[in-house]
């Protein structure tokens, strides 16, 4: 697939995330699941 990235690219920021530090996908996914399925549904969570 063109443009596919592997885990080694996790430290690279893209234009879509300008102004934000990159975080591992698993960490971002866990924050998303927590915001959707947790008792604080819809809240924004800081991912560090």
C-alpha atoms as a PDB file:
ATOM      1  CA  UNK A   1       0.000   0.000   0.000  1.00  0.00           C
ATOM      2  CA  UNK A   2       1.449   3.367  -0.958  1.00  0.00           C
ATOM      3  CA  UNK A   3       2.185   5.662   1.959  1.00  0.00           C
ATOM      4  CA  UNK A   4       2.013   2.839   4.513  1.00  0.00           C
ATOM      5  CA  UNK A   5       4.105   3.396   7.614  1.00  0.00           C
ATOM      6  CA  UNK A   6       5.530   0.903  10.076  1.00  0.00           C
ATOM      7  CA  UNK A   7       6.160   1.152  13.811  1.00  0.00           C
ATOM      8  CA  UNK A   8       9.604   2.618  13.114  1.00  0.00           C
ATOM      9  CA  UNK A   9       7.960   5.779  11.793  1.00  0.00           C
ATOM     10  CA  UNK A  10       6.120   6.522  15.058  1.00  0.00           C
ATOM     11  CA  UNK A  11       8.449   9.427  15.894  1.00  0.00           C
ATOM     12  CA  UNK A  12       7.761  11.289  12.668  1.00  0.00           C
ATOM     13  CA  UNK A  13       5.062  13.958  12.659  1.00  0.00           C
ATOM     14  CA  UNK A  14       2.926  14.511   9.576  1.00  0.00           C
ATOM     15  CA  UNK A  15       1.299  17.669   8.245  1.00  0.00           C
ATOM     16  CA  UNK A  16      -2.002  16.408   9.695  1.00  0.00           C
ATOM     17  CA  UNK A  17      -0.565  16.644  13.209  1.00  0.00           C
ATOM     18  CA  UNK A  18       1.258  19.973  12.891  1.00  0.00           C
ATOM     19  CA  UNK A  19       1.807  21.488  16.316  1.00  0.00           C
ATOM     20  CA  UNK A  20       1.375  18.177  18.155  1.00  0.00           C
ATOM     21  CA  UNK A  21       3.970  15.665  19.302  1.00  0.00           C
ATOM     22  CA  UNK A  22       3.606  12.148  17.918  1.00  0.00           C
ATOM     23  CA  UNK A  23       2.433   9.405  20.296  1.00  0.00           C
ATOM     24  CA  UNK A  24       2.328   5.647  19.751  1.00  0.00           C
ATOM     25  CA  UNK A  25      -0.840   4.508  17.961  1.00  0.00           C
ATOM     26  CA  UNK A  26      -1.725   2.081  20.765  1.00  0.00           C
ATOM     27  CA  UNK A  27      -1.659   4.906  23.305  1.00  0.00           C
ATOM     28  CA  UNK A  28      -3.909   7.123  21.152  1.00  0.00           C
ATOM     29  CA  UNK A  29      -6.265   4.193  20.519  1.00  0.00           C
ATOM     30  CA  UNK A  30      -6.557   3.486  24.252  1.00  0.00           C
ATOM     31  CA  UNK A  31      -7.442   7.133  24.918  1.00  0.00           C
ATOM     32  CA  UNK A  32     -10.078   6.984  22.173  1.00  0.00           C
ATOM     33  CA  UNK A  33     -11.632   3.812  23.604  1.00  0.00           C
ATOM     34  CA  UNK A  34     -11.616   5.353  27.078  1.00  0.00           C
ATOM     35  CA  UNK A  35     -13.393   8.471  25.779  1.00  0.00           C
ATOM     36  CA  UNK A  36     -16.055   6.419  23.974  1.00  0.00           C
ATOM     37  CA  UNK A  37     -16.637   3.499  26.348  1.00  0.00           C
ATOM     38  CA  UNK A  38     -15.607   4.916  29.721  1.00  0.00           C
ATOM     39  CA  UNK A  39     -17.830   6.466  32.354  1.00  0.00           C
ATOM     40  CA  UNK A  40     -16.763   9.921  31.121  1.00  0.00           C
ATOM     41  CA  UNK A  41     -18.038   9.389  27.588  1.00  0.00           C
ATOM     42  CA  UNK A  42     -17.148  12.170  25.161  1.00  0.00           C
ATOM     43  CA  UNK A  43     -14.483  13.815  27.316  1.00  0.00           C
ATOM     44  CA  UNK A  44     -11.137  14.790  25.845  1.00  0.00           C
ATOM     45  CA  UNK A  45      -8.158  13.010  27.385  1.00  0.00           C
ATOM     46  CA  UNK A  46      -4.579  14.260  27.385  1.00  0.00           C
ATOM     47  CA  UNK A  47      -2.278  11.646  25.831  1.00  0.00           C
ATOM     48  CA  UNK A  48       1.335  12.009  26.947  1.00  0.00           C
END
